[in-house]
């Protein structure tokens, strides 16, 4: 080998070695903070995930839709009790069906997708805040998000809103960075995540980001901002992901467009037809309940990130975060239909504010002696103590009210006591700023573990699992499952059987209009009698008040197997 060639190889090797040695290394603390965040959130969302029974109506409904996808092999038109069910797009149904196919028809597999979505939303918060303020602020923001009471609870229940929130957080965060840093490479990913959000919950997934960025550009007087968000490749990705299902389902179900877009979206927003009756300020209470324990630090966080020490860019980021929250909050407050989970997409931005503010306090290494911090702790402690007193007073002076909550004991009192104890410890000034943050995180995790135990108690009351187990233990080939003016999606899922429904109205009306010849639905007593003659062994879900009416129809002697609320499960064997 020639000496000149060897010399060249040595030079190239040295340059490569110098290049890699001189690259900035990721501090060990960053790696540990990310893996710690993923570990804690994985524990919070997956620990004992399959213990509580699926709760009716929502969890039972979505689990049964996914099960029927597997039974029918139809992944275009979702079905509920073997009728078309087109209130929502199918992404969560698809993913849940895949989870059930791999993990079995059980609670853990049914809830796997919302739990995974909750972790995905925390990861989106971490990634965004890491770009804005660094890894430690990202870790704290992720922890605040994961330990917010509403986020934690809904991350452990089979509903659509957590998957929507996950993809919305990614989409809004990617779009904001594309605008803030003028990096168009984020836009295709933003279009992709928003397309998945549309497949998870519908048009609201583009309406909310559209309103957020329209307002943002107007505030900044950036009237050409929307044109910079145009990305032909991103539009193509969005179209390829979203349009095929909407076109296919419309071809299969001719009335889809009117029902899905008008009745299930515009009418829900504009008219009191569904889930109405809540006042305009309904979501103020929802925000307090769903952002515990961090809600008390939100005014302090807003002031801290807007202080003179904060950079101009930090104050701009703070403004965008509060705008993100405000648009979601006002949008759903204006809607006539109001439900607790709807506010979930508003939690990540306020969690980022609190986590970022806590990070600035730790980095400065000194206690915050501002009046806002002191008053935040006082309000926190005072309200928590009032809640403790309210529980004690209700137990002593309002026994009927206490009887309704007694099945949760001792968790409500333990939760409120711990909630009051955290600000007392912080006010004692015994801890350094770093240890104050650690105490807050540990306390928030502990509070959520108490919520977890409370969820399991609620599931004992709201889940029809025990009823379904009674059916499975006695089921035979000649059996039939009948709903007499009642329907439980959860029983269908657990029993692996459809209901023969007598005079059922409501969410199945559209499906009945599309499939009027469906054999599982009856409106006349003669049809019900014929069904009972064809199936000598039957199980009937019936309201206690209508038991005598059913007995007059069937004439068979019956046995009450079990009771759930006012519902009876009866059989003729």
Protein backbone atom coordinates (compact mmCIF):
# COMPACT_ATOMS: atom_id res chain seq x y z
CA UNK A 1 0.00 0.00 0.00
CA UNK A 2 1.41 3.40 -1.00
CA UNK A 3 2.43 5.80 1.80
CA UNK A 4 0.41 8.64 0.21
CA UNK A 5 -2.74 6.53 0.21
CA UNK A 6 -2.21 5.56 3.86
CA UNK A 7 -1.71 9.18 4.75
CA UNK A 8 -4.98 10.14 3.09
CA UNK A 9 -6.87 7.42 4.96
CA UNK A 10 -5.41 8.66 8.23
CA UNK A 11 -6.47 12.23 7.44
CA UNK A 12 -10.02 11.17 6.58
CA UNK A 13 -10.24 9.01 9.72
CA UNK A 14 -9.01 11.87 11.89
CA UNK A 15 -11.52 14.29 10.38
CA UNK A 16 -14.37 11.86 10.97
CA UNK A 17 -13.20 11.27 14.54
CA UNK A 18 -12.95 15.02 15.20
CA UNK A 19 -16.42 15.55 13.70
CA UNK A 20 -18.13 13.04 15.98
CA UNK A 21 -16.12 13.98 19.06
CA UNK A 22 -16.98 17.66 18.64
CA UNK A 23 -20.72 17.14 18.25
CA UNK A 24 -22.74 18.41 21.26
CA UNK A 25 -23.62 15.46 23.41
CA UNK A 26 -27.08 15.07 24.86
CA UNK A 27 -26.77 15.53 28.59
CA UNK A 28 -27.59 12.49 30.63
CA UNK A 29 -30.28 14.45 32.45
CA UNK A 30 -32.18 14.93 29.18
CA UNK A 31 -32.19 11.23 28.40
CA UNK A 32 -33.21 10.35 31.93
CA UNK A 33 -35.98 12.96 31.99
CA UNK A 34 -37.50 11.65 28.76
CA UNK A 35 -37.37 8.00 29.81
CA UNK A 36 -38.62 8.90 33.28
CA UNK A 37 -41.58 10.72 31.71
CA UNK A 38 -42.42 7.78 29.48
CA UNK A 39 -42.05 5.36 32.39
CA UNK A 40 -44.29 7.34 34.76
CA UNK A 41 -46.95 7.98 32.12
CA UNK A 42 -46.85 4.35 31.05
CA UNK A 43 -47.48 3.36 34.66
CA UNK A 44 -50.27 5.91 35.09
CA UNK A 45 -52.19 4.89 31.98
CA UNK A 46 -51.60 1.13 31.85
CA UNK A 47 -51.42 0.04 35.50
CA UNK A 48 -54.58 -1.98 36.32
CA UNK A 49 -56.07 -0.82 33.01
CA UNK A 50 -58.07 -4.01 32.59
CA UNK A 51 -59.37 -4.27 36.16
CA UNK A 52 -62.53 -2.10 35.98
CA UNK A 53 -65.38 -3.44 33.88
CA UNK A 54 -66.33 -1.54 30.73
CA UNK A 55 -68.90 1.09 31.63
CA UNK A 56 -72.11 1.78 29.73
CA UNK A 57 -72.94 3.56 27.62
CA UNK A 58 -69.75 4.87 25.98
CA UNK A 59 -67.19 2.16 26.71
CA UNK A 60 -69.64 -0.64 26.03
CA UNK A 61 -70.77 1.01 22.78
CA UNK A 62 -67.31 1.54 21.30
CA UNK A 63 -66.06 -1.89 22.36
CA UNK A 64 -69.12 -3.54 20.80
CA UNK A 65 -68.71 -1.59 17.54
CA UNK A 66 -65.12 -2.79 17.30
CA UNK A 67 -66.18 -6.37 18.08
CA UNK A 68 -68.84 -6.28 15.38
CA UNK A 69 -66.26 -5.06 12.88
CA UNK A 70 -64.36 -8.27 13.53
CA UNK A 71 -67.52 -10.40 13.36
CA UNK A 72 -68.84 -8.84 10.13
CA UNK A 73 -65.50 -8.13 8.49
CA UNK A 74 -66.94 -4.74 7.46
CA UNK A 75 -64.43 -1.96 8.13
CA UNK A 76 -66.22 0.68 6.05
CA UNK A 77 -69.60 0.91 7.81
CA UNK A 78 -69.41 0.67 11.62
CA UNK A 79 -72.27 -1.34 13.15
CA UNK A 80 -73.91 -1.36 16.56
CA UNK A 81 -76.14 -4.36 17.27
CA UNK A 82 -75.66 -5.13 13.57
CA UNK A 83 -77.14 -1.84 12.40
CA UNK A 84 -75.15 0.93 10.64
CA UNK A 85 -73.83 3.35 13.27
CA UNK A 86 -72.41 6.46 11.60
CA UNK A 87 -72.30 9.09 14.32
CA UNK A 88 -68.48 9.14 14.34
CA UNK A 89 -65.61 8.28 11.96
CA UNK A 90 -63.98 4.86 12.29
CA UNK A 91 -60.32 5.37 13.28
CA UNK A 92 -60.74 4.46 16.96
CA UNK A 93 -63.02 1.55 15.99
CA UNK A 94 -60.37 0.25 13.57
CA UNK A 95 -57.59 0.52 16.11
CA UNK A 96 -59.69 -1.01 18.88
CA UNK A 97 -60.72 -3.90 16.62
CA UNK A 98 -57.05 -4.53 15.86
CA UNK A 99 -56.25 -4.42 19.59
CA UNK A 100 -59.10 -6.85 20.37
CA UNK A 101 -57.96 -9.19 17.61
CA UNK A 102 -54.46 -9.33 19.10
CA UNK A 103 -55.23 -9.10 22.82
CA UNK A 104 -58.59 -10.82 23.05
CA UNK A 105 -62.06 -9.53 23.94
CA UNK A 106 -61.15 -8.07 27.31
CA UNK A 107 -61.03 -4.72 29.08
CA UNK A 108 -57.27 -4.20 28.71
CA UNK A 109 -57.33 -4.66 24.95
CA UNK A 110 -60.46 -2.49 24.64
CA UNK A 111 -58.81 0.40 26.51
CA UNK A 112 -55.35 0.03 24.98
CA UNK A 113 -55.90 2.66 22.27
CA UNK A 114 -57.02 5.55 24.54
CA UNK A 115 -54.18 4.75 26.96
CA UNK A 116 -51.68 4.73 24.08
CA UNK A 117 -53.23 7.96 22.77
CA UNK A 118 -52.79 9.56 26.20
CA UNK A 119 -49.09 8.71 26.09
CA UNK A 120 -48.93 10.01 22.52
CA UNK A 121 -50.41 13.33 23.64
CA UNK A 122 -47.85 13.59 26.46
CA UNK A 123 -45.11 12.87 23.93
CA UNK A 124 -46.48 15.65 21.70
CA UNK A 125 -46.31 18.08 24.64
CA UNK A 126 -42.74 16.99 25.43
CA UNK A 127 -41.62 17.40 21.83
CA UNK A 128 -43.20 20.85 21.43
CA UNK A 129 -41.94 22.27 24.72
CA UNK A 130 -38.47 20.82 24.11
CA UNK A 131 -38.37 22.96 20.96
CA UNK A 132 -39.67 26.03 22.82
CA UNK A 133 -37.92 25.90 26.19
CA UNK A 134 -35.65 22.89 26.50
CA UNK A 135 -35.85 19.35 27.85
CA UNK A 136 -36.47 20.03 31.53
CA UNK A 137 -39.43 22.32 30.83
CA UNK A 138 -40.64 19.64 28.39
CA UNK A 139 -40.45 16.98 31.10
CA UNK A 140 -42.40 19.07 33.60
CA UNK A 141 -45.02 20.05 31.00
CA UNK A 142 -45.47 16.40 30.09
CA UNK A 143 -45.86 15.44 33.73
CA UNK A 144 -48.41 18.18 34.36
CA UNK A 145 -50.38 17.00 31.32
CA UNK A 146 -50.33 13.33 32.37
CA UNK A 147 -51.28 14.04 35.99
CA UNK A 148 -54.13 16.46 35.25
CA UNK A 149 -57.17 14.70 36.66
CA UNK A 150 -59.34 14.87 33.54
CA UNK A 151 -56.53 13.82 31.22
CA UNK A 152 -55.65 10.93 33.50
CA UNK A 153 -59.22 9.66 33.84
CA UNK A 154 -60.10 9.93 30.14
CA UNK A 155 -56.82 8.27 29.21
CA UNK A 156 -58.04 5.13 30.96
CA UNK A 157 -61.53 5.00 29.39
CA UNK A 158 -62.58 3.82 25.95
CA UNK A 159 -63.81 7.06 24.39
CA UNK A 160 -62.88 8.88 21.17
CA UNK A 161 -61.78 12.18 22.70
CA UNK A 162 -58.32 11.11 23.86
CA UNK A 163 -57.28 9.95 20.38
CA UNK A 164 -58.65 13.21 18.97
CA UNK A 165 -56.68 15.19 21.57
CA UNK A 166 -53.47 13.29 20.82
CA UNK A 167 -53.53 14.04 17.10
CA UNK A 168 -54.81 17.59 17.60
CA UNK A 169 -51.93 18.34 19.97
CA UNK A 170 -49.44 17.04 17.43
CA UNK A 171 -51.11 18.90 14.58
CA UNK A 172 -51.36 22.27 16.36
CA UNK A 173 -47.84 21.97 17.78
CA UNK A 174 -46.30 21.10 14.40
CA UNK A 175 -48.17 23.92 12.68
CA UNK A 176 -47.12 26.45 15.31
CA UNK A 177 -43.45 25.52 14.97
CA UNK A 178 -43.74 25.75 11.20
CA UNK A 179 -45.01 29.34 11.63
CA UNK A 180 -42.81 30.33 14.56
CA UNK A 181 -39.51 29.02 13.20
CA UNK A 182 -40.40 29.29 9.50
CA UNK A 183 -39.72 25.58 9.03
CA UNK A 184 -42.04 24.22 6.35
CA UNK A 185 -40.70 20.70 6.85
CA UNK A 186 -43.16 20.36 9.76
CA UNK A 187 -46.22 21.04 7.60
CA UNK A 188 -46.63 17.59 5.94
CA UNK A 189 -46.56 16.01 9.40
CA UNK A 190 -49.10 18.57 10.63
CA UNK A 191 -51.45 17.73 7.75
CA UNK A 192 -51.03 14.01 8.48
CA UNK A 193 -51.82 14.27 12.19
CA UNK A 194 -54.82 16.53 11.57
CA UNK A 195 -56.08 14.05 8.97
CA UNK A 196 -55.90 11.30 11.58
CA UNK A 197 -57.75 13.58 14.02
CA UNK A 198 -60.52 14.01 11.42
CA UNK A 199 -60.77 10.23 11.12
CA UNK A 200 -60.97 10.00 14.91
CA UNK A 201 -63.77 12.49 15.63
CA UNK A 202 -64.80 14.37 12.49
CA UNK A 203 -64.65 17.93 11.07
CA UNK A 204 -64.07 19.53 14.48
CA UNK A 205 -60.44 18.44 14.07
CA UNK A 206 -59.92 21.02 11.30
CA UNK A 207 -62.36 23.63 12.62
CA UNK A 208 -60.47 24.10 15.91
CA UNK A 209 -56.96 24.52 14.39
CA UNK A 210 -58.48 26.79 11.74
CA UNK A 211 -60.00 29.05 14.39
CA UNK A 212 -56.83 29.01 16.50
CA UNK A 213 -54.50 30.06 13.69
CA UNK A 214 -56.99 32.51 12.15
CA UNK A 215 -57.19 34.31 15.48
CA UNK A 216 -53.40 34.13 15.91
CA UNK A 217 -52.73 35.68 12.50
CA UNK A 218 -55.32 38.40 13.14
CA UNK A 219 -53.74 39.30 16.48
CA UNK A 220 -50.33 39.54 14.82
CA UNK A 221 -51.81 41.33 11.78
CA UNK A 222 -50.22 38.68 9.64
CA UNK A 223 -52.88 38.59 6.94
CA UNK A 224 -50.86 36.31 4.68
CA UNK A 225 -50.18 33.76 7.38
CA UNK A 226 -52.66 31.21 6.12
CA UNK A 227 -51.09 31.22 2.67
CA UNK A 228 -47.79 30.17 4.23
CA UNK A 229 -49.51 27.15 5.74
CA UNK A 230 -50.43 25.92 2.26
CA UNK A 231 -48.39 22.86 1.42
CA UNK A 232 -49.35 20.85 -1.72
CA UNK A 233 -47.73 17.68 -0.38
CA UNK A 234 -49.51 18.10 2.94
CA UNK A 235 -52.86 18.63 1.21
CA UNK A 236 -52.29 15.47 -0.81
CA UNK A 237 -51.48 13.52 2.37
CA UNK A 238 -54.63 14.87 4.04
CA UNK A 239 -56.79 13.91 1.05
CA UNK A 240 -55.34 10.42 0.77
CA UNK A 241 -55.87 9.72 4.48
CA UNK A 242 -59.33 11.25 4.93
CA UNK A 243 -61.33 11.08 1.72
CA UNK A 244 -61.35 7.33 0.90
CA UNK A 245 -63.42 6.36 3.94
CA UNK A 246 -65.86 9.25 3.58
CA UNK A 247 -66.43 8.42 -0.08
CA UNK A 248 -66.78 4.67 0.47
CA UNK A 249 -69.17 5.00 3.40
CA UNK A 250 -71.29 7.51 1.47
CA UNK A 251 -71.52 5.13 -1.48
CA UNK A 252 -72.59 2.31 0.85
CA UNK A 253 -75.00 4.46 2.91
CA UNK A 254 -76.76 7.06 0.69
CA UNK A 255 -78.06 9.17 3.61
CA UNK A 256 -74.62 9.45 5.22
CA UNK A 257 -73.83 13.05 4.22
CA UNK A 258 -76.99 14.54 5.68
CA UNK A 259 -76.95 12.42 8.82
CA UNK A 260 -73.24 12.71 9.63
CA UNK A 261 -72.55 16.33 8.82
CA UNK A 262 -75.92 17.96 9.51
CA UNK A 263 -77.53 15.94 12.28
CA UNK A 264 -74.46 14.71 14.17
CA UNK A 265 -72.28 17.82 13.88
CA UNK A 266 -74.09 21.02 12.93
CA UNK A 267 -77.28 20.20 14.82
CA UNK A 268 -75.30 19.12 17.89
CA UNK A 269 -73.52 22.48 17.85
CA UNK A 270 -76.44 24.73 16.92
CA UNK A 271 -79.55 23.11 18.41
CA UNK A 272 -80.55 21.60 21.78
CA UNK A 273 -81.45 18.24 20.21
CA UNK A 274 -78.67 16.21 21.91
CA UNK A 275 -76.83 16.65 25.26
CA UNK A 276 -78.28 20.13 25.78
CA UNK A 277 -79.39 21.87 28.95
CA UNK A 278 -75.99 22.87 30.34
CA UNK A 279 -75.37 26.62 30.91
CA UNK A 280 -72.77 28.65 29.03
CA UNK A 281 -70.38 28.54 32.00
CA UNK A 282 -70.55 24.74 32.22
CA UNK A 283 -66.95 24.29 31.12
CA UNK A 284 -65.63 26.62 33.81
CA UNK A 285 -66.50 23.94 36.35
CA UNK A 286 -65.24 21.22 34.02
CA UNK A 287 -61.89 23.01 33.73
CA UNK A 288 -61.48 23.18 37.51
CA UNK A 289 -62.36 19.52 37.94
CA UNK A 290 -60.30 18.25 35.00
CA UNK A 291 -57.14 20.31 35.67
CA UNK A 292 -56.70 19.38 39.33
CA UNK A 293 -54.34 19.86 41.09
CA UNK A 294 -52.64 22.27 38.67
CA UNK A 295 -55.56 24.64 38.12
CA UNK A 296 -54.56 26.67 41.19
CA UNK A 297 -51.13 27.46 39.73
CA UNK A 298 -52.42 28.63 36.34
CA UNK A 299 -52.66 32.39 37.19
CA UNK A 300 -49.16 32.25 38.71
CA UNK A 301 -47.78 30.47 35.62
CA UNK A 302 -49.32 33.05 33.30
CA UNK A 303 -47.71 35.89 35.26
CA UNK A 304 -44.33 34.20 35.61
CA UNK A 305 -43.92 33.54 31.88
CA UNK A 306 -44.91 37.12 31.17
CA UNK A 307 -42.50 38.73 33.64
CA UNK A 308 -39.75 41.14 32.65
CA UNK A 309 -37.21 38.31 32.90
CA UNK A 310 -38.99 36.43 30.11
CA UNK A 311 -37.87 37.00 26.54
CA UNK A 312 -40.11 38.51 23.90
CA UNK A 313 -40.38 35.11 22.22
CA UNK A 314 -41.42 33.46 25.48
CA UNK A 315 -44.20 36.00 25.89
CA UNK A 316 -45.31 35.32 22.31
CA UNK A 317 -45.35 31.58 22.99
CA UNK A 318 -47.34 32.20 26.18
CA UNK A 319 -49.90 34.21 24.20
CA UNK A 320 -50.29 31.43 21.64
CA UNK A 321 -50.79 28.81 24.35
CA UNK A 322 -53.52 30.79 26.08
CA UNK A 323 -55.12 31.48 22.68
CA UNK A 324 -55.05 27.76 21.91
CA UNK A 325 -56.82 27.05 25.19
CA UNK A 326 -59.24 29.97 24.83
CA UNK A 327 -60.46 29.06 21.35
CA UNK A 328 -61.23 25.48 22.38
CA UNK A 329 -62.91 26.65 25.60
CA UNK A 330 -65.10 29.28 23.92
CA UNK A 331 -65.95 27.04 20.96
CA UNK A 332 -67.39 24.28 23.12
CA UNK A 333 -69.00 26.78 25.50
CA UNK A 334 -70.95 28.19 22.54
CA UNK A 335 -72.08 24.72 21.45
CA UNK A 336 -75.54 23.66 22.59
CA UNK A 337 -74.35 20.10 23.20
CA UNK A 338 -71.97 19.95 26.16
CA UNK A 339 -70.22 16.92 27.62
CA UNK A 340 -67.31 16.65 30.06
CA UNK A 341 -64.82 15.04 27.59
CA UNK A 342 -65.26 17.74 24.95
CA UNK A 343 -62.90 20.08 26.84
CA UNK A 344 -60.02 17.57 26.77
CA UNK A 345 -58.17 19.24 23.82
CA UNK A 346 -57.92 22.42 25.91
CA UNK A 347 -55.80 20.80 28.65
CA UNK A 348 -52.39 20.42 26.89
CA UNK A 349 -51.79 24.18 26.37
CA UNK A 350 -52.53 25.12 29.99
CA UNK A 351 -50.46 22.15 31.18
CA UNK A 352 -47.58 23.49 29.09
CA UNK A 353 -47.93 26.90 30.75
CA UNK A 354 -47.74 25.44 34.25
CA UNK A 355 -44.91 23.02 33.47
CA UNK A 356 -42.86 25.71 31.74
CA UNK A 357 -43.35 28.12 34.66
CA UNK A 358 -42.24 25.46 37.17
CA UNK A 359 -39.14 24.85 35.07
CA UNK A 360 -38.20 28.55 35.11
CA UNK A 361 -38.54 28.60 38.90
CA UNK A 362 -36.26 25.58 39.30
CA UNK A 363 -33.67 26.93 36.86
CA UNK A 364 -33.41 30.20 38.78
CA UNK A 365 -32.75 28.21 41.97
CA UNK A 366 -34.64 30.57 44.27
CA UNK A 367 -38.06 30.47 45.87
CA UNK A 368 -40.85 32.48 44.33
CA UNK A 369 -41.88 35.06 46.95
CA UNK A 370 -44.34 36.85 44.68
CA UNK A 371 -47.84 37.63 46.02
CA UNK A 372 -49.38 35.62 43.16
CA UNK A 373 -47.56 32.45 44.25
CA UNK A 374 -48.59 32.96 47.88
CA UNK A 375 -52.21 33.63 46.99
CA UNK A 376 -52.30 30.64 44.64
CA UNK A 377 -51.30 28.36 47.50
CA UNK A 378 -53.80 29.98 49.87
CA UNK A 379 -56.70 29.62 47.44
CA UNK A 380 -55.64 26.04 46.71
CA UNK A 381 -55.52 25.09 50.38
CA UNK A 382 -58.72 26.95 51.29
CA UNK A 383 -60.85 25.39 48.57
CA UNK A 384 -59.51 21.90 49.29
CA UNK A 385 -60.27 22.31 53.00
CA UNK A 386 -63.78 23.51 52.13
CA UNK A 387 -64.27 20.33 50.12
CA UNK A 388 -63.11 18.24 53.08
CA UNK A 389 -65.55 20.08 55.34
CA UNK A 390 -68.31 19.59 52.77
CA UNK A 391 -67.79 15.83 52.79
CA UNK A 392 -67.84 15.71 56.58
CA UNK A 393 -70.96 17.89 56.79
CA UNK A 394 -72.77 15.81 54.18
CA UNK A 395 -72.01 12.63 56.14
CA UNK A 396 -73.42 14.16 59.34
CA UNK A 397 -76.34 16.32 58.17
CA UNK A 398 -77.29 14.94 54.74
CA UNK A 399 -77.34 11.15 55.08
CA UNK A 400 -79.27 10.64 51.83
CA UNK A 401 -76.61 12.50 49.85
CA UNK A 402 -73.84 10.67 51.67
CA UNK A 403 -75.46 7.31 50.92
CA UNK A 404 -75.01 8.04 47.22
CA UNK A 405 -71.28 8.61 47.74
CA UNK A 406 -70.70 5.96 50.39
CA UNK A 407 -69.63 3.34 47.85
CA UNK A 408 -66.56 5.49 47.05
CA UNK A 409 -65.37 5.72 50.68
CA UNK A 410 -62.68 6.40 51.79
CA UNK A 411 -61.25 7.74 48.52
CA UNK A 412 -63.04 11.14 48.25
CA UNK A 413 -61.95 12.17 51.75
CA UNK A 414 -58.41 10.86 51.19
CA UNK A 415 -58.20 12.74 47.88
CA UNK A 416 -59.42 16.05 49.31
CA UNK A 417 -57.15 15.75 52.35
CA UNK A 418 -54.09 15.11 50.15
CA UNK A 419 -55.17 17.96 47.88
CA UNK A 420 -55.19 20.33 50.86
CA UNK A 421 -51.92 18.97 52.25
CA UNK A 422 -49.81 19.77 49.18
CA UNK A 423 -50.09 23.60 49.38
CA UNK A 424 -49.58 23.45 53.17
CA UNK A 425 -46.24 21.69 52.66
CA UNK A 426 -45.25 24.16 49.94
CA UNK A 427 -46.18 27.12 52.16
CA UNK A 428 -43.95 25.81 54.95
CA UNK A 429 -40.87 26.83 52.91
CA UNK A 430 -38.95 23.79 54.11
CA UNK A 431 -37.98 22.68 50.60
CA UNK A 432 -35.70 24.05 47.92
CA UNK A 433 -37.27 25.10 44.57
CA UNK A 434 -36.13 21.82 43.01
CA UNK A 435 -37.63 19.77 45.82
CA UNK A 436 -40.82 21.83 45.67
CA UNK A 437 -41.27 20.74 42.07
CA UNK A 438 -40.58 17.13 42.97
CA UNK A 439 -43.09 17.30 45.80
CA UNK A 440 -45.72 18.67 43.44
CA UNK A 441 -45.11 15.90 40.90
CA UNK A 442 -45.12 13.16 43.55
CA UNK A 443 -48.29 14.58 45.06
CA UNK A 444 -50.01 14.75 41.66
CA UNK A 445 -49.10 11.11 40.95
CA UNK A 446 -50.44 10.09 44.37
CA UNK A 447 -53.69 11.97 43.77
CA UNK A 448 -54.15 10.18 40.47
CA UNK A 449 -53.60 6.81 42.09
CA UNK A 450 -56.48 7.65 44.42
CA UNK A 451 -58.55 8.56 41.36
CA UNK A 452 -57.63 5.19 39.85
CA UNK A 453 -59.06 3.38 42.88
CA UNK A 454 -62.14 5.58 42.69
CA UNK A 455 -62.64 4.69 39.00
CA UNK A 456 -62.64 1.02 39.93
CA UNK A 457 -65.37 1.65 42.51
CA UNK A 458 -67.45 3.59 39.96
CA UNK A 459 -67.05 0.75 37.46
CA UNK A 460 -68.53 -1.67 39.99
CA UNK A 461 -71.71 0.40 39.83
CA UNK A 462 -71.75 1.38 36.15
CA UNK A 463 -70.41 -1.73 34.44
CA UNK A 464 -72.83 -4.51 33.38
CA UNK A 465 -70.01 -7.08 33.48
CA UNK A 466 -71.60 -9.15 36.26
CA UNK A 467 -74.86 -9.38 34.31
CA UNK A 468 -73.02 -10.59 31.22
CA UNK A 469 -71.14 -13.17 33.27
CA UNK A 470 -74.47 -14.55 34.53
CA UNK A 471 -75.59 -14.90 30.90
CA UNK A 472 -72.38 -16.57 29.75
CA UNK A 473 -72.58 -19.13 32.57
CA UNK A 474 -76.07 -20.27 31.42
CA UNK A 475 -75.96 -19.72 27.66
CA UNK A 476 -76.97 -22.53 25.33
CA UNK A 477 -77.57 -22.90 21.58
CA UNK A 478 -81.30 -22.26 21.92
CA UNK A 479 -80.86 -19.06 23.98
CA UNK A 480 -81.85 -15.52 23.00
CA UNK A 481 -80.91 -12.19 24.56
CA UNK A 482 -83.80 -9.73 24.67
CA UNK A 483 -83.92 -6.07 25.59
CA UNK A 484 -87.41 -5.07 26.68
CA UNK A 485 -87.38 -1.28 26.16
CA UNK A 486 -83.69 -1.45 27.27
CA UNK A 487 -80.34 -1.96 25.58
CA UNK A 488 -76.89 -2.49 27.08
CA UNK A 489 -74.00 -2.35 24.64
CA UNK A 490 -71.67 -3.61 27.36
CA UNK A 491 -73.68 -6.80 27.85
CA UNK A 492 -73.50 -7.45 24.10
CA UNK A 493 -69.73 -7.09 24.19
CA UNK A 494 -69.22 -9.35 27.18
CA UNK A 495 -71.80 -11.96 26.18
CA UNK A 496 -70.68 -11.91 22.51
CA UNK A 497 -74.36 -11.83 21.53
CA UNK A 498 -76.63 -9.25 19.87
CA UNK A 499 -79.77 -8.04 21.58
CA UNK A 500 -83.25 -8.71 20.23
CA UNK A 501 -84.67 -5.28 20.98
CA UNK A 502 -88.30 -4.47 21.61
CA UNK A 503 -89.36 -0.87 20.98
CA UNK A 504 -85.97 0.80 21.25
CA UNK A 505 -85.52 4.38 20.08
CA UNK A 506 -82.60 6.82 20.11
CA UNK A 507 -79.12 6.29 18.72
CA UNK A 508 -80.19 3.28 16.64
CA UNK A 509 -82.88 5.18 14.71
CA UNK A 510 -80.65 6.00 11.75
CA UNK A 511 -79.49 2.41 11.43
CA UNK A 512 -83.09 1.19 11.52
CA UNK A 513 -84.00 3.62 8.76
CA UNK A 514 -81.21 2.13 6.64
CA UNK A 515 -81.94 -1.53 7.52
CA UNK A 516 -85.68 -1.74 8.36
CA UNK A 517 -85.65 -5.51 7.76
CA UNK A 518 -83.09 -6.18 10.49
CA UNK A 519 -84.20 -9.34 12.40
CA UNK A 520 -83.14 -8.03 15.81
CA UNK A 521 -85.80 -5.31 16.17
CA UNK A 522 -89.49 -5.62 17.07
CA UNK A 523 -92.26 -3.13 17.58
CA UNK A 524 -95.28 -5.43 18.00
CA UNK A 525 -96.00 -7.79 20.88
CA UNK A 526 -96.86 -10.59 18.44
CA UNK A 527 -93.32 -10.45 17.05
CA UNK A 528 -91.88 -10.70 20.55
CA UNK A 529 -94.07 -13.71 21.40
CA UNK A 530 -92.95 -15.45 18.22
CA UNK A 531 -89.32 -14.84 19.11
CA UNK A 532 -89.81 -16.35 22.57
CA UNK A 533 -91.50 -19.41 21.03
CA UNK A 534 -88.55 -19.90 18.66
CA UNK A 535 -86.06 -19.64 21.54
CA UNK A 536 -87.26 -21.72 24.50
CA UNK A 537 -84.48 -20.30 26.63
CA UNK A 538 -84.29 -16.52 26.92
CA UNK A 539 -82.54 -13.81 28.93
CA UNK A 540 -84.37 -10.49 29.20
CA UNK A 541 -83.07 -7.11 30.33
CA UNK A 542 -86.07 -5.25 31.73
CA UNK A 543 -86.83 -2.29 33.95
CA UNK A 544 -88.28 -3.21 37.35
CA UNK A 545 -91.37 -1.13 36.63
CA UNK A 546 -92.07 -2.99 33.37
CA UNK A 547 -91.48 -6.51 34.64
CA UNK A 548 -95.23 -7.24 34.99
CA UNK A 549 -95.87 -6.01 31.44
CA UNK A 550 -93.28 -8.44 30.09
CA UNK A 551 -94.69 -11.31 32.16
CA UNK A 552 -98.11 -10.72 30.62
CA UNK A 553 -96.54 -11.12 27.18
CA UNK A 554 -94.36 -14.18 27.82
CA UNK A 555 -96.52 -16.12 30.36
CA UNK A 556 -93.44 -18.22 31.29
CA UNK A 557 -92.30 -18.39 34.92
CA UNK A 558 -89.15 -16.33 35.29
CA UNK A 559 -86.16 -16.18 37.59
CA UNK A 560 -84.34 -12.95 38.48
CA UNK A 561 -80.64 -13.61 37.95
CA UNK A 562 -79.21 -10.25 38.95
CA UNK A 563 -80.01 -6.57 39.26
CA UNK A 564 -78.09 -3.52 38.02
CA UNK A 565 -79.52 -0.18 39.14
CA UNK A 566 -83.22 -0.42 38.21
CA UNK A 567 -82.55 -3.01 35.54
CA UNK A 568 -83.28 -6.69 36.05
CA UNK A 569 -81.78 -9.61 34.17
CA UNK A 570 -84.35 -12.41 34.11
CA UNK A 571 -84.50 -15.86 32.55
CA UNK A 572 -87.08 -18.63 32.18
CA UNK A 573 -84.73 -21.38 33.41
